Amino acid sequence: MARKRISDTRSGVMDNLAALIEPTIPALRRYAWALLRDHDAADDLVQDTLEHAIRRWNLRRQDGDVRSWLFSIEHNLFVSAKRRWARRGIQVGLDEARAVPGSASPEQQTGIGDLLAGLDSLPAEQRGAILLVGVEGLSYAQAAQVLGVPVGTLMSRLSRGRERLQAYLETGQMPRLRRVK
């Protein structure tokens, strides 16, 4: 009888966990793909994120936003992996890096390619801010929490990133940094 209650309790927790996590998976995949530009690596990052979240489910703040918590885990796993790649080195073919999903027209493909190239040329801090706020729709507070920075810092990164991206889309070149003496 006790085994049945334990089994029922675990089943209820897993159902609750699945109900909270499942709706965020598409957004986690989009963010992972935007960071990595590789479907297989993005799926691996999402898988690692979900495994990490399930293992540490009891450590999360009960009153916290599950979506922000999952993005924080994914972002931190990405940063850790990026550091590992920097030590080891990573090679990606140009065709794989520029592959754009979907069946867009040639004009749309060019525009999407320009946007992706502009995003790629942004510093990682600005790119992360733009993707979390602009693409995933997180609030400034949620995105700041995911990135582990104050809200003012996030807003500054977002503003500079938008300006640089706009300049890139207009001219095809990233603006050079000014020298301040």
N, C-alpha and C. Protein backbone atom coordinates (compact mmCIF):
# COMPACT_ATOMS: atom_id res chain seq x y z
N MET A 1 0.82 -1.20 0.00
CA MET A 1 0.00 0.00 0.00
C MET A 1 0.86 1.27 0.00
N ALA A 2 1.94 1.25 0.80
CA ALA A 2 2.83 2.42 0.87
C ALA A 2 3.52 2.64 -0.47
N ARG A 3 3.88 1.56 -1.15
CA ARG A 3 4.52 1.69 -2.46
C ARG A 3 3.58 2.38 -3.45
N LYS A 4 2.32 2.03 -3.39
CA LYS A 4 1.36 2.63 -4.31
C LYS A 4 1.25 4.14 -4.07
N ARG A 5 1.23 4.57 -2.81
CA ARG A 5 1.15 6.00 -2.50
C ARG A 5 2.40 6.74 -2.98
N ILE A 6 3.57 6.15 -2.79
CA ILE A 6 4.81 6.77 -3.25
C ILE A 6 4.79 6.87 -4.77
N SER A 7 4.35 5.80 -5.42
CA SER A 7 4.27 5.80 -6.87
C SER A 7 3.28 6.85 -7.35
N ASP A 8 2.13 6.96 -6.69
CA ASP A 8 1.14 7.96 -7.06
C ASP A 8 1.68 9.37 -6.85
N THR A 9 2.42 9.58 -5.76
CA THR A 9 3.00 10.89 -5.47
C THR A 9 4.01 11.27 -6.55
N ARG A 10 4.89 10.34 -6.90
CA ARG A 10 5.88 10.60 -7.96
C ARG A 10 5.19 10.91 -9.27
N SER A 11 4.15 10.15 -9.58
CA SER A 11 3.43 10.38 -10.82
C SER A 11 2.81 11.78 -10.85
N GLY A 12 2.25 12.22 -9.72
CA GLY A 12 1.66 13.55 -9.64
C GLY A 12 2.70 14.64 -9.79
N VAL A 13 3.88 14.45 -9.18
CA VAL A 13 4.96 15.43 -9.30
C VAL A 13 5.43 15.50 -10.74
N MET A 14 5.60 14.35 -11.38
CA MET A 14 6.06 14.32 -12.77
C MET A 14 5.04 14.96 -13.71
N ASP A 15 3.76 14.74 -13.45
CA ASP A 15 2.72 15.37 -14.26
C ASP A 15 2.77 16.89 -14.10
N ASN A 16 2.93 17.36 -12.86
CA ASN A 16 3.03 18.80 -12.59
C ASN A 16 4.27 19.38 -13.26
N LEU A 17 5.38 18.68 -13.13
CA LEU A 17 6.63 19.12 -13.73
C LEU A 17 6.49 19.21 -15.25
N ALA A 18 5.94 18.18 -15.85
CA ALA A 18 5.74 18.17 -17.30
C ALA A 18 4.81 19.30 -17.74
N ALA A 19 3.77 19.55 -16.98
CA ALA A 19 2.82 20.61 -17.34
C ALA A 19 3.48 21.99 -17.29
N LEU A 20 4.44 22.17 -16.40
CA LEU A 20 5.13 23.46 -16.31
C LEU A 20 6.25 23.61 -17.33
N ILE A 21 6.92 22.51 -17.65
CA ILE A 21 8.09 22.58 -18.53
C ILE A 21 7.73 22.48 -20.01
N GLU A 22 6.81 21.61 -20.37
CA GLU A 22 6.51 21.35 -21.79
C GLU A 22 6.20 22.60 -22.60
N PRO A 23 5.41 23.53 -22.11
CA PRO A 23 5.11 24.71 -22.94
C PRO A 23 6.34 25.58 -23.26
N THR A 24 7.41 25.45 -22.49
CA THR A 24 8.59 26.28 -22.73
C THR A 24 9.58 25.65 -23.71
N ILE A 25 9.40 24.39 -24.06
CA ILE A 25 10.37 23.70 -24.90
C ILE A 25 10.55 24.38 -26.27
N PRO A 26 9.49 24.78 -26.98
CA PRO A 26 9.72 25.46 -28.26
C PRO A 26 10.55 26.74 -28.12
N ALA A 27 10.30 27.51 -27.08
CA ALA A 27 11.07 28.74 -26.87
C ALA A 27 12.52 28.41 -26.53
N LEU A 28 12.74 27.38 -25.75
CA LEU A 28 14.11 26.95 -25.42
C LEU A 28 14.83 26.51 -26.69
N ARG A 29 14.13 25.83 -27.58
CA ARG A 29 14.75 25.39 -28.84
C ARG A 29 15.10 26.59 -29.72
N ARG A 30 14.20 27.57 -29.81
CA ARG A 30 14.49 28.76 -30.62
C ARG A 30 15.71 29.48 -30.09
N TYR A 31 15.77 29.67 -28.78
CA TYR A 31 16.89 30.39 -28.18
C TYR A 31 18.19 29.61 -28.38
N ALA A 32 18.14 28.30 -28.21
CA ALA A 32 19.34 27.47 -28.40
C ALA A 32 19.80 27.53 -29.86
N TRP A 33 18.85 27.46 -30.79
CA TRP A 33 19.24 27.53 -32.20
C TRP A 33 19.83 28.90 -32.53
N ALA A 34 19.24 29.94 -31.99
CA ALA A 34 19.75 31.29 -32.24
C ALA A 34 21.16 31.46 -31.69
N LEU A 35 21.45 30.81 -30.59
CA LEU A 35 22.80 30.89 -30.03
C LEU A 35 23.80 30.05 -30.81
N LEU A 36 23.37 28.87 -31.24
CA LEU A 36 24.31 27.89 -31.81
C LEU A 36 24.27 27.77 -33.32
N ARG A 37 23.15 28.08 -33.95
CA ARG A 37 22.97 27.94 -35.40
C ARG A 37 23.21 26.51 -35.90
N ASP A 38 22.90 25.55 -35.07
CA ASP A 38 23.07 24.14 -35.41
C ASP A 38 21.94 23.38 -34.72
N HIS A 39 21.08 22.75 -35.51
CA HIS A 39 19.92 22.08 -34.94
C HIS A 39 20.30 20.97 -33.98
N ASP A 40 21.30 20.16 -34.34
CA ASP A 40 21.70 19.06 -33.46
C ASP A 40 22.28 19.57 -32.15
N ALA A 41 23.15 20.56 -32.23
CA ALA A 41 23.73 21.13 -31.02
C ALA A 41 22.66 21.83 -30.17
N ALA A 42 21.70 22.49 -30.83
CA ALA A 42 20.61 23.15 -30.12
C ALA A 42 19.75 22.12 -29.39
N ASP A 43 19.44 21.02 -30.06
CA ASP A 43 18.66 19.96 -29.41
C ASP A 43 19.42 19.38 -28.21
N ASP A 44 20.73 19.23 -28.36
CA ASP A 44 21.54 18.74 -27.24
C ASP A 44 21.51 19.72 -26.07
N LEU A 45 21.59 21.01 -26.37
CA LEU A 45 21.56 22.02 -25.31
C LEU A 45 20.20 22.01 -24.60
N VAL A 46 19.13 21.90 -25.35
CA VAL A 46 17.79 21.84 -24.74
C VAL A 46 17.67 20.59 -23.89
N GLN A 47 18.15 19.47 -24.40
CA GLN A 47 18.11 18.22 -23.63
C GLN A 47 18.88 18.36 -22.32
N ASP A 48 20.08 18.93 -22.39
CA ASP A 48 20.88 19.14 -21.19
C ASP A 48 20.17 20.07 -20.21
N THR A 49 19.52 21.11 -20.75
CA THR A 49 18.77 22.05 -19.93
C THR A 49 17.64 21.34 -19.19
N LEU A 50 16.89 20.53 -19.90
CA LEU A 50 15.77 19.82 -19.28
C LEU A 50 16.24 18.81 -18.25
N GLU A 51 17.32 18.10 -18.56
CA GLU A 51 17.87 17.14 -17.59
C GLU A 51 18.31 17.86 -16.32
N HIS A 52 19.00 18.97 -16.51
CA HIS A 52 19.49 19.76 -15.37
C HIS A 52 18.30 20.25 -14.53
N ALA A 53 17.27 20.74 -15.20
CA ALA A 53 16.09 21.26 -14.50
C ALA A 53 15.38 20.16 -13.72
N ILE A 54 15.24 19.00 -14.32
CA ILE A 54 14.54 17.91 -13.64
C ILE A 54 15.35 17.43 -12.43
N ARG A 55 16.68 17.32 -12.61
CA ARG A 55 17.53 16.88 -11.49
C ARG A 55 17.47 17.87 -10.33
N ARG A 56 17.34 19.14 -10.63
CA ARG A 56 17.38 20.18 -9.59
C ARG A 56 16.01 20.83 -9.36
N TRP A 57 14.96 20.15 -9.70
CA TRP A 57 13.61 20.70 -9.59
C TRP A 57 13.31 21.13 -8.17
N ASN A 58 13.75 20.34 -7.20
CA ASN A 58 13.45 20.67 -5.80
C ASN A 58 14.25 21.88 -5.31
N LEU A 59 15.26 22.35 -6.05
CA LEU A 59 16.08 23.49 -5.64
C LEU A 59 15.56 24.82 -6.17
N ARG A 60 14.62 24.79 -7.09
CA ARG A 60 14.12 26.04 -7.67
C ARG A 60 13.24 26.77 -6.67
N ARG A 61 13.14 28.09 -6.86
CA ARG A 61 12.27 28.88 -5.99
C ARG A 61 10.82 28.59 -6.37
N GLN A 62 10.04 28.24 -5.40
CA GLN A 62 8.65 27.88 -5.65
C GLN A 62 7.83 29.05 -6.19
N ASP A 63 8.19 30.27 -5.79
CA ASP A 63 7.45 31.44 -6.24
C ASP A 63 8.05 32.06 -7.50
N GLY A 64 9.12 31.45 -8.02
CA GLY A 64 9.80 31.99 -9.20
C GLY A 64 9.14 31.55 -10.49
N ASP A 65 9.51 32.24 -11.56
CA ASP A 65 8.99 31.95 -12.89
C ASP A 65 9.78 30.78 -13.50
N VAL A 66 9.09 29.69 -13.82
CA VAL A 66 9.74 28.50 -14.35
C VAL A 66 10.41 28.81 -15.69
N ARG A 67 9.77 29.61 -16.52
CA ARG A 67 10.32 29.93 -17.84
C ARG A 67 11.67 30.66 -17.72
N SER A 68 11.74 31.65 -16.86
CA SER A 68 12.99 32.37 -16.64
C SER A 68 14.05 31.45 -16.07
N TRP A 69 13.65 30.58 -15.16
CA TRP A 69 14.58 29.64 -14.54
C TRP A 69 15.17 28.71 -15.60
N LEU A 70 14.34 28.22 -16.51
CA LEU A 70 14.82 27.33 -17.57
C LEU A 70 15.76 28.07 -18.53
N PHE A 71 15.41 29.32 -18.89
CA PHE A 71 16.30 30.10 -19.74
C PHE A 71 17.64 30.37 -19.05
N SER A 72 17.60 30.59 -17.74
CA SER A 72 18.85 30.79 -16.99
C SER A 72 19.72 29.55 -17.06
N ILE A 73 19.12 28.40 -16.88
CA ILE A 73 19.87 27.15 -16.95
C ILE A 73 20.47 27.00 -18.35
N GLU A 74 19.64 27.22 -19.38
CA GLU A 74 20.12 27.07 -20.75
C GLU A 74 21.26 28.05 -21.06
N HIS A 75 21.09 29.28 -20.64
CA HIS A 75 22.12 30.29 -20.88
C HIS A 75 23.43 29.89 -20.18
N ASN A 76 23.33 29.48 -18.92
CA ASN A 76 24.53 29.10 -18.18
C ASN A 76 25.20 27.87 -18.78
N LEU A 77 24.43 26.91 -19.24
CA LEU A 77 25.01 25.74 -19.90
C LEU A 77 25.70 26.15 -21.21
N PHE A 78 25.10 27.08 -21.95
CA PHE A 78 25.70 27.57 -23.19
C PHE A 78 27.03 28.26 -22.90
N VAL A 79 27.05 29.13 -21.89
CA VAL A 79 28.28 29.85 -21.55
C VAL A 79 29.37 28.86 -21.13
N SER A 80 29.01 27.87 -20.34
CA SER A 80 29.99 26.86 -19.92
C SER A 80 30.52 26.08 -21.12
N ALA A 81 29.63 25.72 -22.02
CA ALA A 81 30.06 24.98 -23.22
C ALA A 81 30.93 25.86 -24.09
N LYS A 82 30.59 27.13 -24.20
CA LYS A 82 31.39 28.05 -25.03
C LYS A 82 32.81 28.16 -24.48
N ARG A 83 32.93 28.18 -23.16
CA ARG A 83 34.27 28.21 -22.55
C ARG A 83 35.03 26.93 -22.86
N ARG A 84 34.33 25.80 -22.80
CA ARG A 84 34.97 24.52 -23.15
C ARG A 84 35.41 24.53 -24.60
N TRP A 85 34.55 25.04 -25.51
CA TRP A 85 34.88 25.09 -26.93
C TRP A 85 36.09 25.99 -27.17
N ALA A 86 36.17 27.08 -26.42
CA ALA A 86 37.30 28.00 -26.58
C ALA A 86 38.61 27.29 -26.21
N ARG A 87 38.57 26.45 -25.21
CA ARG A 87 39.77 25.71 -24.82
C ARG A 87 40.10 24.64 -25.85
N ARG A 88 39.08 23.94 -26.34
CA ARG A 88 39.30 22.83 -27.27
C ARG A 88 39.32 23.26 -28.72
N GLY A 89 38.54 24.25 -29.05
CA GLY A 89 38.39 24.66 -30.44
C GLY A 89 37.19 23.96 -31.06
N ILE A 90 36.50 24.64 -31.94
CA ILE A 90 35.32 24.06 -32.61
C ILE A 90 35.38 24.44 -34.08
N GLN A 91 34.94 23.53 -34.93
CA GLN A 91 34.93 23.80 -36.36
C GLN A 91 33.53 23.58 -36.89
N VAL A 92 33.05 24.56 -37.64
CA VAL A 92 31.73 24.48 -38.25
C VAL A 92 31.88 24.92 -39.70
N GLY A 93 31.27 24.17 -40.60
CA GLY A 93 31.30 24.54 -42.01
C GLY A 93 30.46 25.78 -42.27
N LEU A 94 30.84 26.54 -43.27
CA LEU A 94 30.13 27.78 -43.60
C LEU A 94 28.68 27.49 -43.99
N ASP A 95 28.45 26.41 -44.74
CA ASP A 95 27.08 26.08 -45.14
C ASP A 95 26.21 25.79 -43.93
N GLU A 96 26.76 25.09 -42.95
CA GLU A 96 25.99 24.78 -41.74
C GLU A 96 25.69 26.04 -40.95
N ALA A 97 26.64 26.96 -40.90
CA ALA A 97 26.45 28.18 -40.12
C ALA A 97 25.41 29.09 -40.75
N ARG A 98 25.26 29.07 -42.03
CA ARG A 98 24.32 29.97 -42.71
C ARG A 98 23.00 29.31 -43.08
N ALA A 99 22.81 28.04 -42.72
CA ALA A 99 21.57 27.35 -43.07
C ALA A 99 20.40 28.01 -42.34
N VAL A 100 19.35 28.34 -43.08
CA VAL A 100 18.16 28.96 -42.52
C VAL A 100 16.98 28.04 -42.77
N PRO A 101 16.27 27.65 -41.71
CA PRO A 101 15.14 26.75 -41.90
C PRO A 101 13.97 27.43 -42.58
N GLY A 102 13.10 26.62 -43.14
CA GLY A 102 11.88 27.14 -43.73
C GLY A 102 11.96 27.27 -45.23
N SER A 103 10.84 27.64 -45.82
CA SER A 103 10.78 27.77 -47.27
C SER A 103 10.45 29.21 -47.62
N ALA A 104 11.36 30.11 -47.31
CA ALA A 104 11.15 31.52 -47.59
C ALA A 104 11.55 31.83 -49.03
N SER A 105 11.03 32.94 -49.54
CA SER A 105 11.40 33.38 -50.88
C SER A 105 12.87 33.81 -50.88
N PRO A 106 13.49 33.93 -52.06
CA PRO A 106 14.89 34.37 -52.11
C PRO A 106 15.12 35.73 -51.44
N GLU A 107 14.17 36.66 -51.60
CA GLU A 107 14.31 37.96 -50.95
C GLU A 107 14.26 37.83 -49.44
N GLN A 108 13.33 36.99 -48.96
CA GLN A 108 13.24 36.77 -47.52
C GLN A 108 14.49 36.05 -47.00
N GLN A 109 14.99 35.10 -47.78
CA GLN A 109 16.21 34.39 -47.39
C GLN A 109 17.36 35.36 -47.23
N THR A 110 17.47 36.31 -48.17
CA THR A 110 18.53 37.31 -48.10
C THR A 110 18.37 38.17 -46.86
N GLY A 111 17.15 38.61 -46.60
CA GLY A 111 16.90 39.43 -45.41
C GLY A 111 17.17 38.66 -44.13
N ILE A 112 16.76 37.41 -44.09
CA ILE A 112 17.01 36.58 -42.91
C ILE A 112 18.51 36.35 -42.75
N GLY A 113 19.18 36.10 -43.87
CA GLY A 113 20.63 35.91 -43.83
C GLY A 113 21.34 37.15 -43.32
N ASP A 114 20.89 38.33 -43.78
CA ASP A 114 21.48 39.59 -43.30
C ASP A 114 21.24 39.77 -41.80
N LEU A 115 20.03 39.47 -41.36
CA LEU A 115 19.71 39.60 -39.94
C LEU A 115 20.56 38.65 -39.11
N LEU A 116 20.69 37.41 -39.55
CA LEU A 116 21.51 36.44 -38.82
C LEU A 116 22.98 36.86 -38.81
N ALA A 117 23.47 37.37 -39.93
CA ALA A 117 24.85 37.84 -39.98
C ALA A 117 25.04 39.02 -39.03
N GLY A 118 24.06 39.91 -38.99
CA GLY A 118 24.14 41.04 -38.06
C GLY A 118 24.13 40.57 -36.61
N LEU A 119 23.26 39.61 -36.29
CA LEU A 119 23.23 39.06 -34.94
C LEU A 119 24.55 38.38 -34.60
N ASP A 120 25.10 37.65 -35.56
CA ASP A 120 26.37 36.96 -35.32
C ASP A 120 27.51 37.93 -35.05
N SER A 121 27.44 39.11 -35.64
CA SER A 121 28.53 40.07 -35.48
C SER A 121 28.42 40.87 -34.18
N LEU A 122 27.29 40.77 -33.50
CA LEU A 122 27.13 41.47 -32.22
C LEU A 122 27.93 40.76 -31.13
N PRO A 123 28.38 41.50 -30.13
CA PRO A 123 28.97 40.83 -28.97
C PRO A 123 27.93 39.92 -28.31
N ALA A 124 28.39 38.84 -27.70
CA ALA A 124 27.49 37.84 -27.12
C ALA A 124 26.51 38.45 -26.11
N GLU A 125 26.95 39.44 -25.34
CA GLU A 125 26.08 40.05 -24.34
C GLU A 125 24.90 40.76 -24.99
N GLN A 126 25.18 41.49 -26.08
CA GLN A 126 24.12 42.22 -26.77
C GLN A 126 23.20 41.25 -27.51
N ARG A 127 23.79 40.22 -28.14
CA ARG A 127 22.99 39.23 -28.87
C ARG A 127 22.04 38.51 -27.91
N GLY A 128 22.53 38.10 -26.75
CA GLY A 128 21.68 37.42 -25.77
C GLY A 128 20.53 38.29 -25.31
N ALA A 129 20.80 39.57 -25.06
CA ALA A 129 19.75 40.49 -24.63
C ALA A 129 18.68 40.64 -25.71
N ILE A 130 19.10 40.81 -26.95
CA ILE A 130 18.15 40.97 -28.05
C ILE A 130 17.30 39.71 -28.24
N LEU A 131 17.94 38.55 -28.18
CA LEU A 131 17.21 37.30 -28.38
C LEU A 131 16.20 37.05 -27.27
N LEU A 132 16.58 37.29 -26.03
CA LEU A 132 15.67 37.02 -24.92
C LEU A 132 14.49 37.99 -24.89
N VAL A 133 14.77 39.26 -25.12
CA VAL A 133 13.69 40.26 -25.05
C VAL A 133 12.91 40.32 -26.35
N GLY A 134 13.63 40.41 -27.48
CA GLY A 134 12.98 40.61 -28.76
C GLY A 134 12.35 39.37 -29.35
N VAL A 135 13.01 38.23 -29.21
CA VAL A 135 12.51 37.00 -29.83
C VAL A 135 11.66 36.19 -28.86
N GLU A 136 12.16 36.00 -27.65
CA GLU A 136 11.45 35.15 -26.69
C GLU A 136 10.43 35.89 -25.86
N GLY A 137 10.43 37.22 -25.91
CA GLY A 137 9.40 38.00 -25.24
C GLY A 137 9.52 38.06 -23.73
N LEU A 138 10.70 37.83 -23.19
CA LEU A 138 10.88 37.95 -21.75
C LEU A 138 10.86 39.42 -21.37
N SER A 139 10.41 39.69 -20.17
CA SER A 139 10.45 41.07 -19.67
C SER A 139 11.90 41.44 -19.40
N TYR A 140 12.14 42.73 -19.21
CA TYR A 140 13.51 43.16 -18.90
C TYR A 140 13.99 42.49 -17.63
N ALA A 141 13.13 42.42 -16.61
CA ALA A 141 13.52 41.81 -15.34
C ALA A 141 13.85 40.34 -15.51
N GLN A 142 13.02 39.62 -16.28
CA GLN A 142 13.27 38.20 -16.50
C GLN A 142 14.56 37.98 -17.28
N ALA A 143 14.77 38.76 -18.34
CA ALA A 143 15.98 38.62 -19.14
C ALA A 143 17.22 38.96 -18.33
N ALA A 144 17.13 39.99 -17.50
CA ALA A 144 18.26 40.36 -16.64
C ALA A 144 18.57 39.23 -15.67
N GLN A 145 17.54 38.59 -15.16
CA GLN A 145 17.74 37.46 -14.25
C GLN A 145 18.40 36.30 -14.98
N VAL A 146 17.95 36.02 -16.20
CA VAL A 146 18.54 34.93 -16.99
C VAL A 146 20.02 35.18 -17.23
N LEU A 147 20.38 36.41 -17.58
CA LEU A 147 21.76 36.75 -17.91
C LEU A 147 22.60 37.06 -16.68
N GLY A 148 21.93 37.19 -15.53
CA GLY A 148 22.66 37.46 -14.29
C GLY A 148 23.24 38.85 -14.21
N VAL A 149 22.50 39.84 -14.74
CA VAL A 149 22.95 41.23 -14.72
C VAL A 149 21.82 42.10 -14.18
N PRO A 150 22.14 43.32 -13.72
CA PRO A 150 21.07 44.25 -13.32
C PRO A 150 20.22 44.66 -14.52
N VAL A 151 19.00 45.09 -14.25
CA VAL A 151 18.08 45.49 -15.31
C VAL A 151 18.66 46.64 -16.13
N GLY A 152 19.31 47.60 -15.49
CA GLY A 152 19.91 48.72 -16.21
C GLY A 152 20.98 48.27 -17.19
N THR A 153 21.77 47.28 -16.78
CA THR A 153 22.80 46.74 -17.67
C THR A 153 22.15 46.06 -18.87
N LEU A 154 21.09 45.31 -18.62
CA LEU A 154 20.38 44.65 -19.72
C LEU A 154 19.83 45.69 -20.69
N MET A 155 19.24 46.75 -20.16
CA MET A 155 18.66 47.78 -21.03
C MET A 155 19.75 48.45 -21.86
N SER A 156 20.90 48.67 -21.27
CA SER A 156 22.02 49.27 -21.99
C SER A 156 22.50 48.34 -23.11
N ARG A 157 22.65 47.06 -22.80
CA ARG A 157 23.08 46.09 -23.81
C ARG A 157 22.06 45.99 -24.93
N LEU A 158 20.80 46.02 -24.56
CA LEU A 158 19.73 45.93 -25.55
C LEU A 158 19.74 47.15 -26.46
N SER A 159 19.89 48.32 -25.90
CA SER A 159 19.92 49.55 -26.70
C SER A 159 21.11 49.56 -27.65
N ARG A 160 22.31 49.27 -27.12
CA ARG A 160 23.50 49.26 -27.98
C ARG A 160 23.40 48.18 -29.05
N GLY A 161 22.87 47.02 -28.68
CA GLY A 161 22.72 45.94 -29.65
C GLY A 161 21.75 46.29 -30.76
N ARG A 162 20.63 46.91 -30.41
CA ARG A 162 19.66 47.34 -31.42
C ARG A 162 20.27 48.37 -32.36
N GLU A 163 21.01 49.34 -31.79
CA GLU A 163 21.64 50.37 -32.62
C GLU A 163 22.65 49.74 -33.59
N ARG A 164 23.47 48.85 -33.07
CA ARG A 164 24.49 48.21 -33.92
C ARG A 164 23.84 47.34 -35.00
N LEU A 165 22.79 46.61 -34.63
CA LEU A 165 22.10 45.76 -35.59
C LEU A 165 21.43 46.60 -36.67
N GLN A 166 20.80 47.69 -36.28
CA GLN A 166 20.17 48.60 -37.25
C GLN A 166 21.21 49.16 -38.20
N ALA A 167 22.34 49.60 -37.66
CA ALA A 167 23.41 50.14 -38.50
C ALA A 167 23.93 49.08 -39.45
N TYR A 168 24.05 47.85 -38.99
CA TYR A 168 24.52 46.76 -39.85
C TYR A 168 23.52 46.50 -40.98
N LEU A 169 22.24 46.47 -40.66
CA LEU A 169 21.23 46.20 -41.69
C LEU A 169 21.16 47.33 -42.71
N GLU A 170 21.47 48.56 -42.30
CA GLU A 170 21.44 49.68 -43.23
C GLU A 170 22.69 49.76 -44.10
N THR A 171 23.85 49.44 -43.55
CA THR A 171 25.11 49.64 -44.27
C THR A 171 25.81 48.35 -44.67
N GLY A 172 25.47 47.25 -44.02
CA GLY A 172 26.16 45.98 -44.28
C GLY A 172 27.47 45.86 -43.52
N GLN A 173 27.77 46.83 -42.68
CA GLN A 173 29.00 46.81 -41.89
C GLN A 173 28.68 47.20 -40.46
N MET A 174 29.41 46.58 -39.53
CA MET A 174 29.26 46.97 -38.13
C MET A 174 29.95 48.30 -37.92
N PRO A 175 29.32 49.19 -37.17
CA PRO A 175 29.97 50.46 -36.88
C PRO A 175 31.22 50.24 -36.03
N ARG A 176 32.23 51.04 -36.31
CA ARG A 176 33.47 50.93 -35.54
C ARG A 176 33.29 51.64 -34.19
N LEU A 177 34.02 51.16 -33.23
CA LEU A 177 33.98 51.79 -31.92
C LEU A 177 34.75 53.12 -31.96
N ARG A 178 34.25 54.11 -31.26
CA ARG A 178 34.94 55.39 -31.18
C ARG A 178 36.07 55.29 -30.18
N ARG A 179 37.08 56.06 -30.43
CA ARG A 179 38.18 56.17 -29.49
C ARG A 179 37.93 57.38 -28.62
N VAL A 180 37.95 57.17 -27.33
CA VAL A 180 37.76 58.27 -26.39
C VAL A 180 39.09 58.51 -25.70
N LYS A 181 39.55 59.78 -25.76
CA LYS A 181 40.84 60.09 -25.13
C LYS A 181 40.64 60.78 -23.83
